[in-house]
Amino acid sequence: MQGILGQRIRELRIRKGITQEKLGQMVGMTAQGVSKWERGASPDAELLPKIADVLGVTIDALFGCEREESLEQTVTNELSSMESDEAFRRAFGLCWSIEMGLTGKNSIKDRFGHEMLDSLEDEYGNEFYSRLMFDSGIVTARLSKDMRYFFLMPESEKGAGNYLGKTEELAGIFRILSMKENLRILEYLYGRNNTHVSLKLIADKTGTDEKAALECMNELCSIGLAVCYEVETDRGIIKTYSYEKGHVMLPLLIIARELRSEKQLNFVTLCDRKKPLI
């Protein structure tokens, strides 16, 4: 049982993506103490509840006496038990594990494993990417100090081209987004809490005259990136605006910016796709 305990502590620590030193700090031990546990020494009994809590399992699970949950349920339980900031950091670590797993190559996993998430420091401000392209889907991830994201798209049965729709519709969206005034207004709206704002304030804050600002807001509303509300006041009805679909637009703006980046470095690039993209 002693050997099982040490093995389980090691497995659960690695699964959670923390070092021996970090685990030791969280339970009031040294990294050397944790290392001894993992090599077969037994933790003091009073530490077991704290170890189990940090690792997100029951004490029974530490001894391998609890039925294993599905991976999906384990992830759900772990993330839902965390504060938002910690949960997002952990979620990205899991995404990076997915990225490494999908490569199917031990050499890549060994070189760009989970520990790299905490050790990445690039003094030159480079932007590091991983791109995987298979017939079964596409994955791309950015792993840099200032910005991290993860995108996974399983291959659609009908292909992405069927979902994209008519070229004319897409061209209309990009035409609206190509106008500097529209992007300036979006930037202003995204820089606020999503509260309603008057047309005059939008014009004043973006250096746009009210007529041009109204045209911009009408165009942004036409493609669902902004929404107009009518508010009754003592001076009559006025129109106010707020942004919509920021969860879609912000990733699009980040990707668009990175199309022009001159500092991109690929960590992992695998292309085994024989199908066309759309």
Protein backbone atom coordinates (compact mmCIF):
# COMPACT_ATOMS: atom_id res chain seq x y z
CA MET A 1 0.00 0.00 0.00
CA GLN A 2 2.92 2.31 0.76
CA GLY A 3 4.23 2.01 -2.78
CA ILE A 4 0.76 2.59 -4.23
CA LEU A 5 0.39 5.82 -2.23
CA GLY A 6 3.62 7.28 -3.54
CA GLN A 7 2.80 6.26 -7.10
CA ARG A 8 -0.67 7.80 -6.85
CA ILE A 9 0.68 11.06 -5.43
CA ARG A 10 3.09 11.30 -8.35
CA GLU A 11 0.42 10.45 -10.96
CA LEU A 12 -2.08 12.92 -9.55
CA ARG A 13 0.55 15.66 -9.16
CA ILE A 14 1.62 15.33 -12.79
CA ARG A 15 -2.00 15.16 -13.96
CA LYS A 16 -2.68 18.41 -12.13
CA GLY A 17 0.40 19.97 -13.70
CA ILE A 18 2.28 21.01 -10.55
CA THR A 19 5.87 20.43 -9.52
CA GLN A 20 7.11 18.62 -6.42
CA GLU A 21 8.17 21.99 -5.03
CA LYS A 22 4.71 23.49 -5.61
CA LEU A 23 2.95 20.53 -4.00
CA GLY A 24 5.31 20.75 -1.05
CA GLN A 25 4.58 24.46 -0.58
CA MET A 26 0.83 23.83 -0.69
CA VAL A 27 0.93 21.16 2.01
CA GLY A 28 3.72 22.60 4.15
CA MET A 29 6.55 20.33 3.03
CA THR A 30 9.76 20.61 1.04
CA ALA A 31 10.23 19.32 -2.49
CA GLN A 32 12.62 16.75 -1.04
CA GLY A 33 9.86 15.50 1.25
CA VAL A 34 7.46 15.09 -1.67
CA SER A 35 10.18 13.30 -3.61
CA LYS A 36 10.60 10.84 -0.72
CA TRP A 37 6.86 10.12 -0.72
CA GLU A 38 6.93 9.39 -4.43
CA ARG A 39 9.86 7.02 -3.92
CA GLY A 40 8.00 5.03 -1.27
CA ALA A 41 8.10 6.94 2.02
CA SER A 42 4.75 7.48 3.75
CA PRO A 43 3.39 10.99 4.51
CA ASP A 44 2.24 11.72 8.05
CA ALA A 45 -1.40 10.73 8.43
CA GLU A 46 -2.47 14.25 9.33
CA LEU A 47 -1.19 15.47 5.95
CA LEU A 48 -3.34 13.08 3.89
CA PRO A 49 -6.50 15.28 3.87
CA LYS A 50 -4.47 18.30 2.75
CA ILE A 51 -2.65 16.30 0.04
CA ALA A 52 -5.96 14.90 -1.23
CA ASP A 53 -7.53 18.38 -1.26
CA VAL A 54 -4.63 19.91 -3.21
CA LEU A 55 -4.70 17.08 -5.73
CA GLY A 56 -8.47 17.30 -6.06
CA VAL A 57 -9.28 13.73 -4.98
CA THR A 58 -10.53 11.81 -1.95
CA ILE A 59 -8.21 10.11 0.53
CA ASP A 60 -9.47 6.76 -0.79
CA ALA A 61 -8.36 7.78 -4.26
CA LEU A 62 -4.84 8.44 -2.95
CA PHE A 63 -4.65 4.75 -2.06
CA GLY A 64 -6.19 3.61 -5.34
CA CYS A 65 -9.32 2.38 -3.56
CA GLU A 66 -11.86 4.55 -5.35
CA ARG A 67 -13.48 3.79 -8.68
CA GLU A 68 -11.99 6.03 -11.34
CA GLU A 69 -14.25 8.64 -12.89
CA SER A 70 -14.26 9.26 -16.60
CA LEU A 71 -11.66 11.76 -17.74
CA GLU A 72 -14.42 14.16 -18.77
CA GLN A 73 -16.04 13.99 -15.33
CA THR A 74 -12.69 14.43 -13.60
CA VAL A 75 -11.98 17.58 -15.62
CA THR A 76 -15.48 18.94 -14.96
CA ASN A 77 -15.20 18.35 -11.21
CA GLU A 78 -11.71 19.78 -10.98
CA LEU A 79 -12.41 22.99 -12.90
CA SER A 80 -15.74 23.62 -11.19
CA SER A 81 -14.05 23.46 -7.79
CA MET A 82 -11.56 26.24 -8.64
CA GLU A 83 -11.71 30.01 -8.60
CA SER A 84 -12.11 31.50 -12.08
CA ASP A 85 -8.49 32.65 -12.56
CA GLU A 86 -7.06 29.32 -11.42
CA ALA A 87 -9.61 27.40 -13.49
CA PHE A 88 -8.64 29.25 -16.69
CA ARG A 89 -4.94 28.61 -16.10
CA ARG A 90 -5.65 24.95 -15.47
CA ALA A 91 -7.97 24.72 -18.48
CA PHE A 92 -5.26 26.03 -20.78
CA GLY A 93 -2.83 23.50 -19.33
CA LEU A 94 -5.31 20.77 -20.22
CA CYS A 95 -5.65 22.22 -23.73
CA TRP A 96 -1.88 22.08 -24.13
CA SER A 97 -1.98 18.44 -23.01
CA ILE A 98 -4.58 17.79 -25.72
CA GLU A 99 -2.32 19.47 -28.26
CA MET A 100 0.65 17.32 -27.25
CA GLY A 101 -1.45 14.16 -27.20
CA LEU A 102 -2.81 14.74 -30.69
CA THR A 103 0.72 14.84 -32.11
CA GLY A 104 1.04 11.14 -31.30
CA LYS A 105 4.81 11.59 -31.01
CA ASN A 106 6.65 10.92 -27.75
CA SER A 107 9.63 12.98 -28.90
CA ILE A 108 7.43 16.06 -29.15
CA LYS A 109 5.69 15.41 -25.84
CA ASP A 110 9.05 14.97 -24.11
CA ARG A 111 10.42 18.20 -25.56
CA PHE A 112 7.38 20.44 -25.28
CA GLY A 113 5.65 18.89 -22.27
CA HIS A 114 3.51 20.38 -19.57
CA GLU A 115 6.39 21.88 -17.58
CA MET A 116 7.01 24.32 -20.45
CA LEU A 117 3.84 26.24 -19.55
CA ASP A 118 5.47 27.54 -16.38
CA SER A 119 8.98 28.00 -17.76
CA LEU A 120 8.31 29.95 -20.97
CA GLU A 121 10.16 33.25 -20.78
CA ASP A 122 11.10 34.86 -24.07
CA GLU A 123 13.05 38.09 -23.70
CA TYR A 124 12.63 38.94 -27.39
CA GLY A 125 8.83 38.95 -27.28
CA ASN A 126 8.46 36.18 -29.85
CA GLU A 127 5.07 34.57 -30.40
CA PHE A 128 5.20 30.79 -30.32
CA TYR A 129 2.66 28.63 -32.09
CA SER A 130 1.68 25.03 -32.56
CA ARG A 131 -0.27 23.99 -35.63
CA LEU A 132 -1.66 20.54 -36.37
CA MET A 133 -3.55 19.75 -39.56
CA PHE A 134 -5.06 16.30 -40.09
CA ASP A 135 -7.93 14.98 -42.16
CA SER A 136 -9.78 14.49 -38.88
CA GLY A 137 -9.45 18.13 -37.85
CA ILE A 138 -7.30 21.19 -37.20
CA VAL A 139 -5.70 22.49 -34.00
CA THR A 140 -3.80 25.69 -33.39
CA ALA A 141 -2.44 27.08 -30.14
CA ARG A 142 -0.40 30.09 -29.11
CA LEU A 143 1.93 29.65 -26.18
CA SER A 144 3.57 32.95 -25.31
CA LYS A 145 4.13 34.97 -22.19
CA ASP A 146 1.65 37.73 -23.05
CA MET A 147 -1.09 35.81 -24.89
CA ARG A 148 -2.25 32.20 -24.95
CA TYR A 149 -5.14 30.56 -26.73
CA PHE A 150 -6.26 27.20 -28.10
CA PHE A 151 -8.53 26.38 -31.06
CA LEU A 152 -9.66 22.88 -31.98
CA MET A 153 -11.99 22.10 -34.89
CA PRO A 154 -12.97 18.49 -35.59
CA GLU A 155 -13.59 17.85 -39.27
CA SER A 156 -17.17 18.64 -40.20
CA GLU A 157 -19.09 15.92 -41.97
CA LYS A 158 -20.10 18.39 -44.70
CA GLY A 159 -16.86 20.36 -44.63
CA ALA A 160 -16.18 23.90 -43.42
CA GLY A 161 -17.04 25.37 -46.81
CA ASN A 162 -20.68 24.41 -46.39
CA TYR A 163 -20.80 26.27 -43.05
CA LEU A 164 -19.09 29.43 -44.36
CA GLY A 165 -21.96 30.11 -46.74
CA LYS A 166 -21.93 32.60 -49.60
CA THR A 167 -18.78 34.52 -50.47
CA GLU A 168 -20.83 37.71 -50.88
CA GLU A 169 -22.01 37.57 -47.27
CA LEU A 170 -18.48 37.11 -45.97
CA ALA A 171 -17.23 39.93 -48.20
CA GLY A 172 -19.87 42.23 -46.69
CA ILE A 173 -18.70 41.44 -43.17
CA PHE A 174 -15.06 42.06 -44.04
CA ARG A 175 -15.96 45.29 -45.84
CA ILE A 176 -17.54 46.64 -42.65
CA LEU A 177 -14.60 45.49 -40.55
CA SER A 178 -12.13 47.06 -42.98
CA MET A 179 -13.31 50.58 -42.10
CA LYS A 180 -11.06 52.25 -39.55
CA GLU A 181 -13.96 54.16 -37.99
CA ASN A 182 -15.83 50.93 -37.28
CA LEU A 183 -12.80 49.31 -35.69
CA ARG A 184 -12.11 52.43 -33.64
CA ILE A 185 -15.68 52.38 -32.30
CA LEU A 186 -15.48 48.66 -31.55
CA GLU A 187 -12.23 49.24 -29.68
CA TYR A 188 -13.92 51.96 -27.62
CA LEU A 189 -16.93 49.76 -26.83
CA TYR A 190 -14.71 46.79 -25.89
CA GLY A 191 -12.68 49.07 -23.60
CA ARG A 192 -15.77 49.68 -21.44
CA ASN A 193 -17.95 47.47 -19.33
CA ASN A 194 -20.77 46.35 -21.59
CA THR A 195 -23.08 49.22 -20.64
CA HIS A 196 -25.30 51.26 -22.92
CA VAL A 197 -23.70 54.41 -24.32
CA SER A 198 -25.15 57.31 -26.31
CA LEU A 199 -24.24 58.11 -29.88
CA LYS A 200 -22.84 61.50 -28.84
CA LEU A 201 -20.50 59.91 -26.31
CA ILE A 202 -19.33 57.38 -28.92
CA ALA A 203 -18.64 60.22 -31.35
CA ASP A 204 -16.81 62.33 -28.74
CA LYS A 205 -14.65 59.49 -27.44
CA THR A 206 -13.63 58.23 -30.88
CA GLY A 207 -13.14 61.60 -32.62
CA THR A 208 -15.93 60.87 -35.10
CA ASP A 209 -18.72 63.28 -36.03
CA GLU A 210 -22.19 62.12 -35.02
CA LYS A 211 -23.41 61.50 -38.56
CA ALA A 212 -20.45 59.24 -39.35
CA ALA A 213 -20.77 57.55 -35.94
CA LEU A 214 -24.44 56.80 -36.64
CA GLU A 215 -23.53 55.23 -39.99
CA CYS A 216 -20.87 53.11 -38.28
CA MET A 217 -23.24 51.96 -35.56
CA ASN A 218 -25.91 51.06 -38.11
CA GLU A 219 -23.37 48.91 -39.99
CA LEU A 220 -22.10 47.23 -36.82
CA CYS A 221 -25.69 46.52 -35.79
CA SER A 222 -26.45 45.11 -39.25
CA ILE A 223 -23.93 42.28 -38.75
CA GLY A 224 -24.78 41.73 -35.10
CA LEU A 225 -21.64 43.22 -33.54
CA ALA A 226 -23.60 45.97 -31.78
CA VAL A 227 -27.15 46.39 -30.58
CA CYS A 228 -29.29 49.54 -30.39
CA TYR A 229 -31.68 50.31 -27.54
CA GLU A 230 -34.27 53.05 -27.27
CA VAL A 231 -34.39 54.74 -23.86
CA GLU A 232 -37.17 57.07 -22.78
CA THR A 233 -35.93 60.17 -20.95
CA ASP A 234 -37.41 63.48 -19.82
CA ARG A 235 -36.14 64.91 -23.11
CA GLY A 236 -37.70 62.22 -25.22
CA ILE A 237 -36.46 58.92 -26.61
CA ILE A 238 -32.73 58.56 -27.27
CA LYS A 239 -30.82 55.66 -28.79
CA THR A 240 -28.04 53.94 -26.91
CA TYR A 241 -25.64 51.22 -28.02
CA SER A 242 -23.58 48.37 -26.63
CA TYR A 243 -21.47 45.67 -28.22
CA GLU A 244 -22.64 42.15 -29.01
CA LYS A 245 -20.80 38.91 -29.84
CA GLY A 246 -17.55 40.05 -28.25
CA HIS A 247 -16.71 36.40 -27.59
CA VAL A 248 -16.51 35.93 -31.37
CA MET A 249 -15.10 39.28 -32.43
CA LEU A 250 -12.18 39.48 -29.99
CA PRO A 251 -10.62 36.17 -31.15
CA LEU A 252 -11.10 37.31 -34.76
CA LEU A 253 -9.27 40.58 -34.07
CA ILE A 254 -6.42 38.73 -32.34
CA ILE A 255 -6.03 36.30 -35.25
CA ALA A 256 -6.19 39.17 -37.76
CA ARG A 257 -3.44 40.98 -35.90
CA GLU A 258 -1.27 37.87 -35.89
CA LEU A 259 -1.56 37.50 -39.66
CA ARG A 260 0.77 40.51 -39.81
CA SER A 261 3.10 39.43 -37.03
CA GLU A 262 6.79 39.21 -37.89
CA LYS A 263 7.82 37.36 -34.73
CA GLN A 264 6.04 34.04 -35.16
CA LEU A 265 8.02 30.94 -34.24
CA ASN A 266 6.54 27.47 -34.57
CA PHE A 267 7.03 25.10 -31.64
CA VAL A 268 5.24 22.19 -33.23
CA THR A 269 3.95 21.99 -36.79
CA LEU A 270 2.51 18.78 -38.20
CA CYS A 271 0.64 18.60 -41.48
CA ASP A 272 -0.78 15.24 -42.46
CA ARG A 273 -3.89 16.60 -44.15
CA LYS A 274 -4.80 15.30 -47.59
CA LYS A 275 -8.22 16.92 -47.84
CA PRO A 276 -8.74 20.53 -48.94
CA LEU A 277 -9.39 22.98 -46.11
CA ILE A 278 -12.96 23.80 -47.21
